[in-house]
């Protein structure tokens, strides 16, 4: 599978929007680091995937600020939007 900055961004946003669990994000990052074909800034992508792959380790974790910083490194600015709950 090809891994681009956009795919990493979309996957991190899926986690932040509760469409992926932390365990799923970590598993995805570990798999993509080992099996994915990185396209674009390879060193940046591998560094971010490695960081996400450690997010389930207590000493590393993954805070909101971490996510904001990772997205900024990918060239994105994180913005928050509230949506009404579905009835």
Protein backbone atom coordinates (compact mmCIF):
# COMPACT_ATOMS: atom_id res chain seq x y z
CA UNK A 1 0.00 0.00 0.00
CA UNK A 2 1.26 3.48 -0.85
CA UNK A 3 1.62 5.78 2.15
CA UNK A 4 1.52 9.54 1.58
CA UNK A 5 1.31 12.55 3.87
CA UNK A 6 -2.40 12.73 3.06
CA UNK A 7 -3.03 9.13 4.09
CA UNK A 8 -1.18 9.59 7.38
CA UNK A 9 -3.15 12.79 8.01
CA UNK A 10 -6.48 11.10 7.19
CA UNK A 11 -5.67 8.17 9.48
CA UNK A 12 -4.67 10.42 12.37
CA UNK A 13 -7.89 12.42 11.87
CA UNK A 14 -9.87 9.16 11.91
CA UNK A 15 -8.35 8.47 15.33
CA UNK A 16 -9.11 11.97 16.60
CA UNK A 17 -12.70 11.64 15.38
CA UNK A 18 -13.14 8.28 17.16
CA UNK A 19 -13.36 6.25 13.95
CA UNK A 20 -10.22 4.37 15.02
CA UNK A 21 -9.16 3.26 18.47
CA UNK A 22 -5.66 3.90 19.75
CA UNK A 23 -4.91 0.20 19.32
CA UNK A 24 -6.06 0.34 15.68
CA UNK A 25 -3.97 3.45 15.02
CA UNK A 26 -0.88 1.84 16.54
CA UNK A 27 -1.43 -1.39 14.61
CA UNK A 28 -1.91 0.53 11.35
CA UNK A 29 1.25 2.60 11.92
CA UNK A 30 3.34 -0.47 12.75
CA UNK A 31 2.04 -2.34 9.70
CA UNK A 32 2.59 0.59 7.35
CA UNK A 33 6.09 1.14 8.68
CA UNK A 34 6.97 -2.48 7.91
CA UNK A 35 4.91 -3.17 4.80
CA UNK A 36 3.86 0.16 3.32
CA UNK A 37 5.57 1.95 0.45
CA UNK A 38 6.33 5.47 1.64
CA UNK A 39 5.81 8.12 -1.04
CA UNK A 40 7.14 11.64 -0.59
CA UNK A 41 9.27 12.72 2.34
CA UNK A 42 10.29 9.20 3.43
CA UNK A 43 12.22 10.24 6.54
CA UNK A 44 9.32 12.41 7.77
CA UNK A 45 6.74 9.69 7.13
CA UNK A 46 8.79 6.95 8.75
CA UNK A 47 9.46 9.17 11.79
CA UNK A 48 5.75 9.94 12.22
CA UNK A 49 4.71 6.31 11.71
CA UNK A 50 7.31 5.22 14.27
CA UNK A 51 5.96 7.79 16.74
CA UNK A 52 2.38 6.60 16.19
CA UNK A 53 3.51 3.01 16.55
CA UNK A 54 4.69 3.79 20.09
CA UNK A 55 1.53 5.64 21.13
CA UNK A 56 0.28 2.70 23.19
CA UNK A 57 3.43 2.68 25.34
CA UNK A 58 2.80 4.54 28.59
CA UNK A 59 6.03 6.54 28.44
CA UNK A 60 5.17 7.88 24.98
CA UNK A 61 1.36 8.16 24.84
CA UNK A 62 -0.37 10.42 22.35
CA UNK A 63 -1.72 13.76 23.55
CA UNK A 64 -3.76 16.36 21.69
CA UNK A 65 -0.61 18.49 21.46
CA UNK A 66 1.29 15.54 19.99
CA UNK A 67 -1.38 15.10 17.32
CA UNK A 68 -1.33 18.83 16.54
CA UNK A 69 2.46 18.76 16.19
CA UNK A 70 2.44 15.65 13.99
CA UNK A 71 -0.18 17.17 11.69
CA UNK A 72 1.83 20.41 11.50
CA UNK A 73 4.89 18.42 10.43
CA UNK A 74 2.75 16.96 7.65
CA UNK A 75 1.71 20.45 6.60
CA UNK A 76 -1.74 20.57 8.20
CA UNK A 77 -3.35 22.76 10.83
CA UNK A 78 -5.75 21.05 13.21
CA UNK A 79 -9.07 22.82 13.79
CA UNK A 80 -11.91 21.77 16.06
CA UNK A 81 -15.56 21.82 15.07
CA UNK A 82 -18.54 20.82 17.25
CA UNK A 83 -21.48 18.95 15.77
CA UNK A 84 -24.85 18.38 17.45
CA UNK A 85 -25.45 14.84 18.68
CA UNK A 86 -27.77 12.73 16.59
CA UNK A 87 -31.09 12.06 18.30
